[in-house]
Amino acid sequence: MLRLFRRALWNPSVFRATAALRLFSAASPSEKFNQAVKDLNNVPEEPSNDVKLQLYALFKQATVGQCNVAKPDTFDFVGKAK
């Protein structure tokens, strides 16, 4: 999971959106998270599908917690990507 987070952060479109968050280091984690969600909704260019899936995984991890769903089938490519 940490690898996905690092890759998402080094993506230029995601990096620009999260760079502003570093300025608000005194904010609580929940405030930072809510601000990050708002910033990602206002990204000037459309991120690639890989970046979207990585961000979705991080979002679900932050809001729901650990994955408790059974592993997807071999040919369920969308389910595997999630």
PDB file of N, CA and C in Angstrom:
ATOM      1  N   MET A   1       0.823  -1.192   0.000  1.00  0.00           N
ATOM      2  CA  MET A   1       0.000   0.000   0.000  1.00  0.00           C
ATOM      3  C   MET A   1       0.863   1.251   0.000  1.00  0.00           C
ATOM      4  N   LEU A   2       1.977   1.198   0.727  1.00  0.00           N
ATOM      5  CA  LEU A   2       2.867   2.350   0.781  1.00  0.00           C
ATOM      6  C   LEU A   2       3.460   2.636  -0.588  1.00  0.00           C
ATOM      7  N   ARG A   3       3.743   1.558  -1.359  1.00  0.00           N
ATOM      8  CA  ARG A   3       4.278   1.756  -2.703  1.00  0.00           C
ATOM      9  C   ARG A   3       3.281   2.503  -3.587  1.00  0.00           C
ATOM     10  N   LEU A   4       2.002   2.144  -3.498  1.00  0.00           N
ATOM     11  CA  LEU A   4       0.977   2.838  -4.283  1.00  0.00           C
ATOM     12  C   LEU A   4       0.899   4.300  -3.894  1.00  0.00           C
ATOM     13  N   PHE A   5       0.994   4.572  -2.596  1.00  0.00           N
ATOM     14  CA  PHE A   5       0.942   5.946  -2.123  1.00  0.00           C
ATOM     15  C   PHE A   5       2.119   6.739  -2.665  1.00  0.00           C
ATOM     16  N   ARG A   6       3.315   6.145  -2.639  1.00  0.00           N
ATOM     17  CA  ARG A   6       4.497   6.843  -3.161  1.00  0.00           C
ATOM     18  C   ARG A   6       4.362   7.109  -4.649  1.00  0.00           C
ATOM     19  N   ARG A   7       3.883   6.099  -5.412  1.00  0.00           N
ATOM     20  CA  ARG A   7       3.716   6.307  -6.855  1.00  0.00           C
ATOM     21  C   ARG A   7       2.691   7.387  -7.136  1.00  0.00           C
ATOM     22  N   ALA A   8       1.623   7.406  -6.375  1.00  0.00           N
ATOM     23  CA  ALA A   8       0.592   8.425  -6.581  1.00  0.00           C
ATOM     24  C   ALA A   8       1.133   9.808  -6.266  1.00  0.00           C
ATOM     25  N   LEU A   9       1.962   9.904  -5.232  1.00  0.00           N
ATOM     26  CA  LEU A   9       2.507  11.212  -4.873  1.00  0.00           C
ATOM     27  C   LEU A   9       3.479  11.739  -5.913  1.00  0.00           C
ATOM     28  N   TRP A  10       4.219  10.858  -6.575  1.00  0.00           N
ATOM     29  CA  TRP A  10       5.203  11.321  -7.550  1.00  0.00           C
ATOM     30  C   TRP A  10       4.602  11.542  -8.925  1.00  0.00           C
ATOM     31  N   ASN A  11       3.351  11.219  -9.103  1.00  0.00           N
ATOM     32  CA  ASN A  11       2.686  11.546 -10.359  1.00  0.00           C
ATOM     33  C   ASN A  11       2.494  13.056 -10.389  1.00  0.00           C
ATOM     34  N   PRO A  12       2.880  13.735 -11.490  1.00  0.00           N
ATOM     35  CA  PRO A  12       2.820  15.205 -11.519  1.00  0.00           C
ATOM     36  C   PRO A  12       1.460  15.784 -11.186  1.00  0.00           C
ATOM     37  N   SER A  13       0.376  15.193 -11.689  1.00  0.00           N
ATOM     38  CA  SER A  13      -0.936  15.781 -11.417  1.00  0.00           C
ATOM     39  C   SER A  13      -1.323  15.620  -9.951  1.00  0.00           C
ATOM     40  N   VAL A  14      -0.972  14.502  -9.352  1.00  0.00           N
ATOM     41  CA  VAL A  14      -1.279  14.283  -7.946  1.00  0.00           C
ATOM     42  C   VAL A  14      -0.338  15.100  -7.073  1.00  0.00           C
ATOM     43  N   PHE A  15       0.918  15.206  -7.491  1.00  0.00           N
ATOM     44  CA  PHE A  15       1.908  15.951  -6.709  1.00  0.00           C
ATOM     45  C   PHE A  15       1.498  17.406  -6.568  1.00  0.00           C
ATOM     46  N   ARG A  16       1.003  18.001  -7.650  1.00  0.00           N
ATOM     47  CA  ARG A  16       0.575  19.408  -7.576  1.00  0.00           C
ATOM     48  C   ARG A  16      -0.590  19.565  -6.607  1.00  0.00           C
ATOM     49  N   ALA A  17      -1.496  18.603  -6.620  1.00  0.00           N
ATOM     50  CA  ALA A  17      -2.669  18.704  -5.746  1.00  0.00           C
ATOM     51  C   ALA A  17      -2.293  18.534  -4.281  1.00  0.00           C
ATOM     52  N   THR A  18      -1.291  17.707  -4.014  1.00  0.00           N
ATOM     53  CA  THR A  18      -0.921  17.476  -2.623  1.00  0.00           C
ATOM     54  C   THR A  18       0.131  18.448  -2.117  1.00  0.00           C
ATOM     55  N   ALA A  19       0.793  19.160  -3.012  1.00  0.00           N
ATOM     56  CA  ALA A  19       1.831  20.102  -2.580  1.00  0.00           C
ATOM     57  C   ALA A  19       1.243  21.203  -1.704  1.00  0.00           C
ATOM     58  N   ALA A  20       0.045  21.631  -2.012  1.00  0.00           N
ATOM     59  CA  ALA A  20      -0.594  22.672  -1.210  1.00  0.00           C
ATOM     60  C   ALA A  20      -0.893  22.179   0.202  1.00  0.00           C
ATOM     61  N   LEU A  21      -1.107  20.890   0.359  1.00  0.00           N
ATOM     62  CA  LEU A  21      -1.424  20.346   1.681  1.00  0.00           C
ATOM     63  C   LEU A  21      -0.249  20.453   2.643  1.00  0.00           C
ATOM     64  N   ARG A  22       0.939  20.430   2.103  1.00  0.00           N
ATOM     65  CA  ARG A  22       2.108  20.514   2.973  1.00  0.00           C
ATOM     66  C   ARG A  22       2.190  21.861   3.668  1.00  0.00           C
ATOM     67  N   LEU A  23       1.563  22.868   3.105  1.00  0.00           N
ATOM     68  CA  LEU A  23       1.568  24.184   3.726  1.00  0.00           C
ATOM     69  C   LEU A  23       0.711  24.211   4.987  1.00  0.00           C
ATOM     70  N   PHE A  24      -0.263  23.325   5.063  1.00  0.00           N
ATOM     71  CA  PHE A  24      -1.191  23.296   6.188  1.00  0.00           C
ATOM     72  C   PHE A  24      -0.826  22.181   7.167  1.00  0.00           C
ATOM     73  N   SER A  25       0.432  22.116   7.566  1.00  0.00           N
ATOM     74  CA  SER A  25       0.885  21.010   8.407  1.00  0.00           C
ATOM     75  C   SER A  25       0.279  21.054   9.808  1.00  0.00           C
ATOM     76  N   ALA A  26      -0.238  22.208  10.234  1.00  0.00           N
ATOM     77  CA  ALA A  26      -0.832  22.311  11.566  1.00  0.00           C
ATOM     78  C   ALA A  26      -2.257  21.761  11.605  1.00  0.00           C
ATOM     79  N   ALA A  27      -2.849  21.482  10.461  1.00  0.00           N
ATOM     80  CA  ALA A  27      -4.226  20.987  10.410  1.00  0.00           C
ATOM     81  C   ALA A  27      -4.284  19.542  10.910  1.00  0.00           C
ATOM     82  N   SER A  28      -5.441  19.153  11.397  1.00  0.00           N
ATOM     83  CA  SER A  28      -5.623  17.779  11.868  1.00  0.00           C
ATOM     84  C   SER A  28      -5.644  16.831  10.666  1.00  0.00           C
ATOM     85  N   PRO A  29      -5.400  15.541  10.890  1.00  0.00           N
ATOM     86  CA  PRO A  29      -5.419  14.590   9.775  1.00  0.00           C
ATOM     87  C   PRO A  29      -6.750  14.572   9.020  1.00  0.00           C
ATOM     88  N   SER A  30      -7.863  14.684   9.720  1.00  0.00           N
ATOM     89  CA  SER A  30      -9.153  14.668   9.023  1.00  0.00           C
ATOM     90  C   SER A  30      -9.333  15.930   8.183  1.00  0.00           C
ATOM     91  N   GLU A  31      -8.842  17.065   8.668  1.00  0.00           N
ATOM     92  CA  GLU A  31      -8.913  18.295   7.868  1.00  0.00           C
ATOM     93  C   GLU A  31      -8.028  18.183   6.636  1.00  0.00           C
ATOM     94  N   LYS A  32      -6.842  17.598   6.800  1.00  0.00           N
ATOM     95  CA  LYS A  32      -5.943  17.399   5.664  1.00  0.00           C
ATOM     96  C   LYS A  32      -6.585  16.475   4.630  1.00  0.00           C
ATOM     97  N   PHE A  33      -7.218  15.403   5.118  1.00  0.00           N
ATOM     98  CA  PHE A  33      -7.854  14.454   4.211  1.00  0.00           C
ATOM     99  C   PHE A  33      -8.973  15.124   3.426  1.00  0.00           C
ATOM    100  N   ASN A  34      -9.827  15.860   4.117  1.00  0.00           N
ATOM    101  CA  ASN A  34     -10.932  16.544   3.439  1.00  0.00           C
ATOM    102  C   ASN A  34     -10.416  17.566   2.440  1.00  0.00           C
ATOM    103  N   GLN A  35      -9.343  18.269   2.775  1.00  0.00           N
ATOM    104  CA  GLN A  35      -8.767  19.237   1.843  1.00  0.00           C
ATOM    105  C   GLN A  35      -8.168  18.525   0.630  1.00  0.00           C
ATOM    106  N   ALA A  36      -7.542  17.370   0.848  1.00  0.00           N
ATOM    107  CA  ALA A  36      -6.971  16.609  -0.265  1.00  0.00           C
ATOM    108  C   ALA A  36      -8.062  16.145  -1.218  1.00  0.00           C
ATOM    109  N   VAL A  37      -9.189  15.704  -0.679  1.00  0.00           N
ATOM    110  CA  VAL A  37     -10.308  15.281  -1.529  1.00  0.00           C
ATOM    111  C   VAL A  37     -10.796  16.457  -2.370  1.00  0.00           C
ATOM    112  N   LYS A  38     -10.925  17.629  -1.760  1.00  0.00           N
ATOM    113  CA  LYS A  38     -11.355  18.817  -2.504  1.00  0.00           C
ATOM    114  C   LYS A  38     -10.340  19.190  -3.576  1.00  0.00           C
ATOM    115  N   ASP A  39      -9.047  19.141  -3.227  1.00  0.00           N
ATOM    116  CA  ASP A  39      -8.001  19.498  -4.183  1.00  0.00           C
ATOM    117  C   ASP A  39      -7.980  18.541  -5.371  1.00  0.00           C
ATOM    118  N   LEU A  40      -8.192  17.257  -5.113  1.00  0.00           N
ATOM    119  CA  LEU A  40      -8.177  16.288  -6.202  1.00  0.00           C
ATOM    120  C   LEU A  40      -9.377  16.448  -7.123  1.00  0.00           C
ATOM    121  N   ASN A  41     -10.460  16.979  -6.624  1.00  0.00           N
ATOM    122  CA  ASN A  41     -11.613  17.238  -7.485  1.00  0.00           C
ATOM    123  C   ASN A  41     -11.379  18.434  -8.393  1.00  0.00           C
ATOM    124  N   ASN A  42     -10.386  19.251  -8.081  1.00  0.00           N
ATOM    125  CA  ASN A  42     -10.102  20.448  -8.876  1.00  0.00           C
ATOM    126  C   ASN A  42      -8.785  20.357  -9.632  1.00  0.00           C
ATOM    127  N   VAL A  43      -8.301  19.157  -9.912  1.00  0.00           N
ATOM    128  CA  VAL A  43      -7.057  18.989 -10.662  1.00  0.00           C
ATOM    129  C   VAL A  43      -7.293  19.480 -12.086  1.00  0.00           C
ATOM    130  N   PRO A  44      -6.381  20.314 -12.625  1.00  0.00           N
ATOM    131  CA  PRO A  44      -6.615  20.904 -13.942  1.00  0.00           C
ATOM    132  C   PRO A  44      -6.644  19.900 -15.090  1.00  0.00           C
ATOM    133  N   GLU A  45      -5.883  18.816 -14.993  1.00  0.00           N
ATOM    134  CA  GLU A  45      -5.889  17.828 -16.065  1.00  0.00           C
ATOM    135  C   GLU A  45      -6.420  16.502 -15.542  1.00  0.00           C
ATOM    136  N   GLU A  46      -7.021  15.736 -16.408  1.00  0.00           N
ATOM    137  CA  GLU A  46      -7.615  14.455 -16.037  1.00  0.00           C
ATOM    138  C   GLU A  46      -6.505  13.431 -15.776  1.00  0.00           C
ATOM    139  N   PRO A  47      -6.447  12.837 -14.582  1.00  0.00           N
ATOM    140  CA  PRO A  47      -5.419  11.828 -14.310  1.00  0.00           C
ATOM    141  C   PRO A  47      -5.693  10.549 -15.098  1.00  0.00           C
ATOM    142  N   SER A  48      -4.645   9.757 -15.293  1.00  0.00           N
ATOM    143  CA  SER A  48      -4.799   8.495 -16.018  1.00  0.00           C
ATOM    144  C   SER A  48      -5.609   7.510 -15.174  1.00  0.00           C
ATOM    145  N   ASN A  49      -6.054   6.437 -15.811  1.00  0.00           N
ATOM    146  CA  ASN A  49      -6.838   5.428 -15.093  1.00  0.00           C
ATOM    147  C   ASN A  49      -6.025   4.769 -13.985  1.00  0.00           C
ATOM    148  N   ASP A  50      -4.717   4.570 -14.221  1.00  0.00           N
ATOM    149  CA  ASP A  50      -3.869   3.981 -13.183  1.00  0.00           C
ATOM    150  C   ASP A  50      -3.830   4.862 -11.944  1.00  0.00           C
ATOM    151  N   VAL A  51      -3.684   6.162 -12.154  1.00  0.00           N
ATOM    152  CA  VAL A  51      -3.643   7.098 -11.026  1.00  0.00           C
ATOM    153  C   VAL A  51      -4.995   7.124 -10.329  1.00  0.00           C
ATOM    154  N   LYS A  52      -6.075   7.099 -11.110  1.00  0.00           N
ATOM    155  CA  LYS A  52      -7.410   7.094 -10.510  1.00  0.00           C
ATOM    156  C   LYS A  52      -7.617   5.860  -9.635  1.00  0.00           C
ATOM    157  N   LEU A  53      -7.169   4.697 -10.117  1.00  0.00           N
ATOM    158  CA  LEU A  53      -7.320   3.472  -9.335  1.00  0.00           C
ATOM    159  C   LEU A  53      -6.478   3.518  -8.066  1.00  0.00           C
ATOM    160  N   GLN A  54      -5.275   4.081  -8.161  1.00  0.00           N
ATOM    161  CA  GLN A  54      -4.427   4.207  -6.971  1.00  0.00           C
ATOM    162  C   GLN A  54      -5.067   5.142  -5.952  1.00  0.00           C
ATOM    163  N   LEU A  55      -5.579   6.259  -6.430  1.00  0.00           N
ATOM    164  CA  LEU A  55      -6.226   7.205  -5.525  1.00  0.00           C
ATOM    165  C   LEU A  55      -7.496   6.615  -4.921  1.00  0.00           C
ATOM    166  N   TYR A  56      -8.239   5.849  -5.721  1.00  0.00           N
ATOM    167  CA  TYR A  56      -9.441   5.186  -5.214  1.00  0.00           C
ATOM    168  C   TYR A  56      -9.075   4.200  -4.103  1.00  0.00           C
ATOM    169  N   ALA A  57      -7.997   3.456  -4.310  1.00  0.00           N
ATOM    170  CA  ALA A  57      -7.557   2.502  -3.292  1.00  0.00           C
ATOM    171  C   ALA A  57      -7.187   3.224  -2.002  1.00  0.00           C
ATOM    172  N   LEU A  58      -6.474   4.336  -2.118  1.00  0.00           N
ATOM    173  CA  LEU A  58      -6.095   5.103  -0.935  1.00  0.00           C
ATOM    174  C   LEU A  58      -7.318   5.711  -0.255  1.00  0.00           C
ATOM    175  N   PHE A  59      -8.273   6.182  -1.060  1.00  0.00           N
ATOM    176  CA  PHE A  59      -9.500   6.754  -0.511  1.00  0.00           C
ATOM    177  C   PHE A  59     -10.286   5.703   0.267  1.00  0.00           C
ATOM    178  N   LYS A  60     -10.448   4.519  -0.324  1.00  0.00           N
ATOM    179  CA  LYS A  60     -11.195   3.452   0.347  1.00  0.00           C
ATOM    180  C   LYS A  60     -10.470   3.003   1.616  1.00  0.00           C
ATOM    181  N   GLN A  61      -9.140   2.945   1.566  1.00  0.00           N
ATOM    182  CA  GLN A  61      -8.372   2.558   2.748  1.00  0.00           C
ATOM    183  C   GLN A  61      -8.586   3.565   3.869  1.00  0.00           C
ATOM    184  N   ALA A  62      -8.629   4.846   3.513  1.00  0.00           N
ATOM    185  CA  ALA A  62      -8.782   5.896   4.524  1.00  0.00           C
ATOM    186  C   ALA A  62     -10.202   5.958   5.072  1.00  0.00           C
ATOM    187  N   THR A  63     -11.198   5.689   4.239  1.00  0.00           N
ATOM    188  CA  THR A  63     -12.578   5.850   4.684  1.00  0.00           C
ATOM    189  C   THR A  63     -13.195   4.567   5.229  1.00  0.00           C
ATOM    190  N   VAL A  64     -12.824   3.413   4.673  1.00  0.00           N
ATOM    191  CA  VAL A  64     -13.437   2.148   5.073  1.00  0.00           C
ATOM    192  C   VAL A  64     -12.508   1.341   5.978  1.00  0.00           C
ATOM    193  N   GLY A  65     -11.229   1.325   5.667  1.00  0.00           N
ATOM    194  CA  GLY A  65     -10.265   0.543   6.436  1.00  0.00           C
ATOM    195  C   GLY A  65      -9.767  -0.632   5.624  1.00  0.00           C
ATOM    196  N   GLN A  66      -9.285  -1.648   6.333  1.00  0.00           N
ATOM    197  CA  GLN A  66      -8.734  -2.815   5.671  1.00  0.00           C
ATOM    198  C   GLN A  66      -9.774  -3.492   4.783  1.00  0.00           C
ATOM    199  N   CYS A  67      -9.301  -4.085   3.700  1.00  0.00           N
ATOM    200  CA  CYS A  67     -10.166  -4.794   2.757  1.00  0.00           C
ATOM    201  C   CYS A  67     -10.676  -6.073   3.413  1.00  0.00           C
ATOM    202  N   ASN A  68     -11.986  -6.247   3.407  1.00  0.00           N
ATOM    203  CA  ASN A  68     -12.577  -7.457   3.979  1.00  0.00           C
ATOM    204  C   ASN A  68     -13.384  -8.218   2.931  1.00  0.00           C
ATOM    205  N   VAL A  69     -13.108  -7.957   1.661  1.00  0.00           N
ATOM    206  CA  VAL A  69     -13.811  -8.598   0.553  1.00  0.00           C
ATOM    207  C   VAL A  69     -12.941  -9.738   0.038  1.00  0.00           C
ATOM    208  N   ALA A  70     -13.579 -10.818  -0.393  1.00  0.00           N
ATOM    209  CA  ALA A  70     -12.841 -11.951  -0.939  1.00  0.00           C
ATOM    210  C   ALA A  70     -12.077 -11.539  -2.192  1.00  0.00           C
ATOM    211  N   LYS A  71     -10.977 -12.229  -2.455  1.00  0.00           N
ATOM    212  CA  LYS A  71     -10.146 -11.946  -3.620  1.00  0.00           C
ATOM    213  C   LYS A  71     -10.965 -12.164  -4.897  1.00  0.00           C
ATOM    214  N   PRO A  72     -10.872 -11.239  -5.884  1.00  0.00           N
ATOM    215  CA  PRO A  72     -11.672 -11.382  -7.109  1.00  0.00           C
ATOM    216  C   PRO A  72     -11.199 -12.557  -7.969  1.00  0.00           C
ATOM    217  N   ASP A  73     -12.085 -13.004  -8.856  1.00  0.00           N
ATOM    218  CA  ASP A  73     -11.759 -14.095  -9.764  1.00  0.00           C
ATOM    219  C   ASP A  73     -10.614 -13.710 -10.689  1.00  0.00           C
ATOM    220  N   THR A  74     -10.047 -14.704 -11.342  1.00  0.00           N
ATOM    221  CA  THR A  74      -8.905 -14.496 -12.226  1.00  0.00           C
ATOM    222  C   THR A  74      -9.233 -13.561 -13.376  1.00  0.00           C
ATOM    223  N   PHE A  75     -10.420 -13.658 -13.943  1.00  0.00           N
ATOM    224  CA  PHE A  75     -10.765 -12.856 -15.110  1.00  0.00           C
ATOM    225  C   PHE A  75     -11.554 -11.598 -14.769  1.00  0.00           C
ATOM    226  N   ASP A  76     -11.666 -11.276 -13.523  1.00  0.00           N
ATOM    227  CA  ASP A  76     -12.319 -10.034 -13.093  1.00  0.00           C
ATOM    228  C   ASP A  76     -11.247  -8.947 -13.004  1.00  0.00           C
ATOM    229  N   PHE A  77     -10.896  -8.366 -14.162  1.00  0.00           N
ATOM    230  CA  PHE A  77      -9.783  -7.426 -14.238  1.00  0.00           C
ATOM    231  C   PHE A  77     -10.069  -6.134 -13.483  1.00  0.00           C
ATOM    232  N   VAL A  78     -11.289  -5.651 -13.548  1.00  0.00           N
ATOM    233  CA  VAL A  78     -11.639  -4.423 -12.826  1.00  0.00           C
ATOM    234  C   VAL A  78     -11.588  -4.674 -11.327  1.00  0.00           C
ATOM    235  N   GLY A  79     -12.128  -5.789 -10.902  1.00  0.00           N
ATOM    236  CA  GLY A  79     -12.097  -6.130  -9.485  1.00  0.00           C
ATOM    237  C   GLY A  79     -10.682  -6.308  -8.966  1.00  0.00           C
ATOM    238  N   LYS A  80      -9.810  -6.878  -9.796  1.00  0.00           N
ATOM    239  CA  LYS A  80      -8.412  -7.039  -9.400  1.00  0.00           C
ATOM    240  C   LYS A  80      -7.718  -5.694  -9.292  1.00  0.00           C
ATOM    241  N   ALA A  81      -8.045  -4.787 -10.183  1.00  0.00           N
ATOM    242  CA  ALA A  81      -7.412  -3.465 -10.154  1.00  0.00           C
ATOM    243  C   ALA A  81      -7.830  -2.689  -8.915  1.00  0.00           C
ATOM    244  N   LYS A  82      -9.070  -2.897  -8.482  1.00  0.00           N
ATOM    245  CA  LYS A  82      -9.543  -2.198  -7.277  1.00  0.00           C
ATOM    246  C   LYS A  82      -8.869  -2.785  -6.073  1.00  0.00           C
TER     247      LYS A  82
END
